[in-house]
């Protein structure tokens, strides 16, 4: 019988209306005795992405940062836990919003829509991760390296997209481009719908 390999990786990515955090590196994949889990001990501080459920300002529970151009900050995470049993890969993907790391200073519906866009972008890339893993041809000799590379690639694309979103919309200040981006995000959600039911 093959041993069970339990691994977990998670990345916290910040998207600000004012200035996004710079992506440095994703957490490395490391063996763990922690079983795959959808949530953390602070379950009440986490909101999983759910269709037709939108963020509201009560969800932004961190104290606002002052001395910055940002008027709001959204903290999202894209995570994966997986295991291999008898040569078969199974995985669990999470796309979450962190209440205790997200804040709003100027609480308008317009800015909230921009922040929701950051959460939606993370969901798009959770679906892309699901698609990539669904198409992965399992290799028992290199699966750890392969999955790490898939994850790192998806995360890099996500971070680039988050930064483009803020850059092109000028952190939501360019209203015309902001509305165009919201339409683009919705189109991408529609296009990735076949991979929305990730394990």
Protein backbone atom coordinates (compact mmCIF):
# COMPACT_ATOMS: atom_id res chain seq x y z
CA UNK A 1 0.00 0.00 0.00
CA UNK A 2 1.31 3.42 -0.88
CA UNK A 3 1.65 5.92 1.95
CA UNK A 4 -0.79 8.77 2.13
CA UNK A 5 0.79 12.08 1.25
CA UNK A 6 -0.88 15.01 2.93
CA UNK A 7 0.11 18.46 1.85
CA UNK A 8 -1.35 21.89 2.25
CA UNK A 9 -0.53 25.23 0.71
CA UNK A 10 -2.25 28.54 1.04
CA UNK A 11 -1.49 32.01 -0.18
CA UNK A 12 -2.73 35.27 1.23
CA UNK A 13 -3.03 37.94 -1.43
CA UNK A 14 -4.01 41.51 -0.70
CA UNK A 15 -5.81 43.75 -3.15
CA UNK A 16 -6.18 47.39 -2.22
CA UNK A 17 -8.30 50.09 -3.78
CA UNK A 18 -5.40 52.40 -3.04
CA UNK A 19 -2.24 50.33 -3.52
CA UNK A 20 -2.04 46.55 -3.78
CA UNK A 21 0.52 44.61 -1.81
CA UNK A 22 3.39 43.31 -3.88
CA UNK A 23 3.39 39.57 -4.38
CA UNK A 24 6.71 38.12 -3.20
CA UNK A 25 6.40 34.36 -3.16
CA UNK A 26 3.81 31.72 -2.48
CA UNK A 27 4.10 29.44 0.49
CA UNK A 28 6.15 26.39 -0.43
CA UNK A 29 4.53 23.01 -0.54
CA UNK A 30 5.66 21.00 2.45
CA UNK A 31 4.62 17.70 3.86
CA UNK A 32 2.27 18.02 6.76
CA UNK A 33 0.34 15.81 9.11
CA UNK A 34 -2.58 18.19 8.91
CA UNK A 35 -5.47 16.63 7.02
CA UNK A 36 -6.97 18.66 4.17
CA UNK A 37 -9.49 21.09 5.55
CA UNK A 38 -11.69 23.75 4.03
CA UNK A 39 -11.36 26.14 6.94
CA UNK A 40 -9.02 27.27 9.66
CA UNK A 41 -9.49 27.59 13.44
CA UNK A 42 -10.79 31.14 12.81
CA UNK A 43 -13.75 29.89 10.77
CA UNK A 44 -15.90 32.87 11.72
CA UNK A 45 -13.30 35.20 10.16
CA UNK A 46 -13.36 33.46 6.78
CA UNK A 47 -15.92 33.80 4.00
CA UNK A 48 -15.69 31.26 1.17
CA UNK A 49 -16.55 32.52 -2.31
CA UNK A 50 -20.15 31.56 -3.11
CA UNK A 51 -22.11 32.37 -6.28
CA UNK A 52 -24.66 35.17 -5.85
CA UNK A 53 -23.37 36.07 -2.38
CA UNK A 54 -21.71 39.47 -2.36
CA UNK A 55 -19.47 41.07 0.23
CA UNK A 56 -20.92 43.82 2.41
CA UNK A 57 -19.13 46.42 4.48
CA UNK A 58 -19.84 44.52 7.72
CA UNK A 59 -17.48 41.83 6.39
CA UNK A 60 -14.54 44.27 6.47
CA UNK A 61 -13.61 44.04 10.15
CA UNK A 62 -9.97 45.14 10.29
CA UNK A 63 -9.20 48.64 11.53
CA UNK A 64 -8.50 50.93 8.52
CA UNK A 65 -4.93 51.88 7.80
CA UNK A 66 -4.25 55.60 7.77
CA UNK A 67 -1.48 57.49 6.01
CA UNK A 68 -2.07 55.64 2.74
CA UNK A 69 -3.93 56.37 -0.48
CA UNK A 70 -5.99 53.22 0.01
CA UNK A 71 -9.63 53.69 0.93
CA UNK A 72 -10.24 49.95 1.35
CA UNK A 73 -8.35 46.67 1.42
CA UNK A 74 -9.52 43.19 0.50
CA UNK A 75 -7.62 40.14 1.71
CA UNK A 76 -8.25 36.88 -0.13
CA UNK A 77 -6.54 33.50 -0.16
CA UNK A 78 -6.21 30.75 -2.72
CA UNK A 79 -5.32 27.43 -1.14
CA UNK A 80 -5.02 23.78 -1.96
CA UNK A 81 -4.75 20.63 0.10
CA UNK A 82 -4.13 17.32 -1.62
CA UNK A 83 -3.35 13.71 -0.95
CA UNK A 84 -2.26 10.71 -2.96
CA UNK A 85 -3.56 7.30 -1.96
CA UNK A 86 -2.68 4.20 -3.97
CA UNK A 87 -1.48 6.31 -6.87
CA UNK A 88 -4.61 8.45 -7.08
CA UNK A 89 -4.57 12.23 -6.57
CA UNK A 90 -7.38 13.98 -4.77
CA UNK A 91 -7.40 17.66 -3.86
CA UNK A 92 -9.39 20.38 -2.18
CA UNK A 93 -9.22 24.02 -3.30
CA UNK A 94 -10.26 27.00 -1.19
CA UNK A 95 -11.01 30.58 -2.19
CA UNK A 96 -11.63 32.71 0.91
CA UNK A 97 -12.06 36.28 2.05
CA UNK A 98 -10.49 37.20 5.42
CA UNK A 99 -12.71 39.49 7.48
CA UNK A 100 -10.07 40.32 10.07
CA UNK A 101 -7.55 41.41 7.40
CA UNK A 102 -9.91 43.45 5.21
CA UNK A 103 -11.00 47.01 5.88
CA UNK A 104 -12.89 49.94 4.46
CA UNK A 105 -12.43 53.63 5.12
CA UNK A 106 -14.67 55.10 2.44
CA UNK A 107 -17.68 52.77 2.43
CA UNK A 108 -19.63 53.33 -0.77
CA UNK A 109 -21.38 50.79 -2.98
CA UNK A 110 -19.06 51.76 -5.82
CA UNK A 111 -15.89 51.01 -3.84
CA UNK A 112 -17.46 47.83 -2.46
CA UNK A 113 -18.01 46.66 -6.06
CA UNK A 114 -14.31 47.23 -6.75
CA UNK A 115 -13.35 45.19 -3.69
CA UNK A 116 -15.76 42.42 -4.71
CA UNK A 117 -13.89 42.39 -8.01
CA UNK A 118 -10.69 41.42 -6.17
CA UNK A 119 -12.49 38.49 -4.50
CA UNK A 120 -14.01 37.44 -7.83
CA UNK A 121 -10.59 37.46 -9.49
CA UNK A 122 -9.29 35.07 -6.83
CA UNK A 123 -12.27 32.81 -7.56
CA UNK A 124 -11.50 32.86 -11.29
CA UNK A 125 -8.00 31.60 -10.58
CA UNK A 126 -9.28 28.99 -8.11
CA UNK A 127 -11.28 27.63 -11.04
CA UNK A 128 -8.23 27.76 -13.29
CA UNK A 129 -6.31 25.83 -10.66
CA UNK A 130 -9.10 23.25 -10.63
CA UNK A 131 -8.94 23.00 -14.41
CA UNK A 132 -5.15 22.55 -14.39
CA UNK A 133 -5.27 19.86 -11.70
CA UNK A 134 -8.20 18.15 -13.36
CA UNK A 135 -6.10 17.87 -16.55
CA UNK A 136 -2.92 16.82 -14.74
CA UNK A 137 -1.57 13.39 -15.68
CA UNK A 138 -0.42 11.93 -12.37
CA UNK A 139 3.27 11.03 -12.16
CA UNK A 140 4.20 9.30 -8.90
CA UNK A 141 7.83 10.35 -9.26
CA UNK A 142 7.26 14.07 -9.76
CA UNK A 143 3.75 14.90 -8.54
CA UNK A 144 4.93 17.12 -5.64
CA UNK A 145 7.09 19.20 -7.96
CA UNK A 146 4.43 19.20 -10.66
CA UNK A 147 1.64 20.38 -8.36
CA UNK A 148 3.90 23.02 -6.85
CA UNK A 149 4.71 24.34 -10.33
CA UNK A 150 1.04 24.37 -11.34
CA UNK A 151 0.11 26.23 -8.16
CA UNK A 152 2.95 28.76 -8.45
CA UNK A 153 2.06 29.47 -12.07
CA UNK A 154 -1.63 30.05 -11.28
CA UNK A 155 -0.76 32.27 -8.31
CA UNK A 156 1.63 34.36 -10.42
CA UNK A 157 -1.09 34.87 -13.03
CA UNK A 158 -3.59 35.80 -10.33
CA UNK A 159 -1.27 38.36 -8.77
CA UNK A 160 -0.53 39.87 -12.17
CA UNK A 161 -4.24 40.11 -12.86
CA UNK A 162 -4.97 41.71 -9.48
CA UNK A 163 -2.30 44.33 -10.14
CA UNK A 164 -3.57 44.99 -13.66
CA UNK A 165 -7.07 45.44 -12.26
CA UNK A 166 -5.92 48.11 -9.82
CA UNK A 167 -3.52 49.66 -12.31
CA UNK A 168 -5.92 50.01 -15.21
CA UNK A 169 -8.83 51.19 -13.04
CA UNK A 170 -6.50 53.50 -11.07
CA UNK A 171 -7.74 51.70 -7.95
CA UNK A 172 -11.36 52.30 -9.05
CA UNK A 173 -10.89 56.04 -9.67
CA UNK A 174 -11.33 55.62 -13.45
CA UNK A 175 -15.03 54.87 -13.46
CA UNK A 176 -15.34 54.01 -17.14
CA UNK A 177 -12.51 51.48 -16.96
CA UNK A 178 -13.81 50.18 -13.61
CA UNK A 179 -17.16 49.29 -15.17
CA UNK A 180 -15.38 47.67 -18.13
CA UNK A 181 -13.33 45.55 -15.72
CA UNK A 182 -16.40 44.46 -13.77
CA UNK A 183 -17.94 43.27 -17.05
CA UNK A 184 -14.70 41.47 -17.94
CA UNK A 185 -14.59 39.77 -14.54
CA UNK A 186 -18.20 38.61 -14.95
CA UNK A 187 -17.40 37.24 -18.42
CA UNK A 188 -14.44 35.33 -16.97
CA UNK A 189 -16.62 33.92 -14.20
CA UNK A 190 -19.06 32.73 -16.85
CA UNK A 191 -16.27 31.23 -18.96
CA UNK A 192 -14.75 29.35 -16.03
CA UNK A 193 -18.13 28.09 -14.74
CA UNK A 194 -17.41 24.48 -15.81
CA UNK A 195 -14.65 24.42 -13.16
CA UNK A 196 -16.61 26.23 -10.43
CA UNK A 197 -17.49 23.02 -8.56
CA UNK A 198 -13.96 22.39 -7.42
CA UNK A 199 -13.39 19.76 -4.78
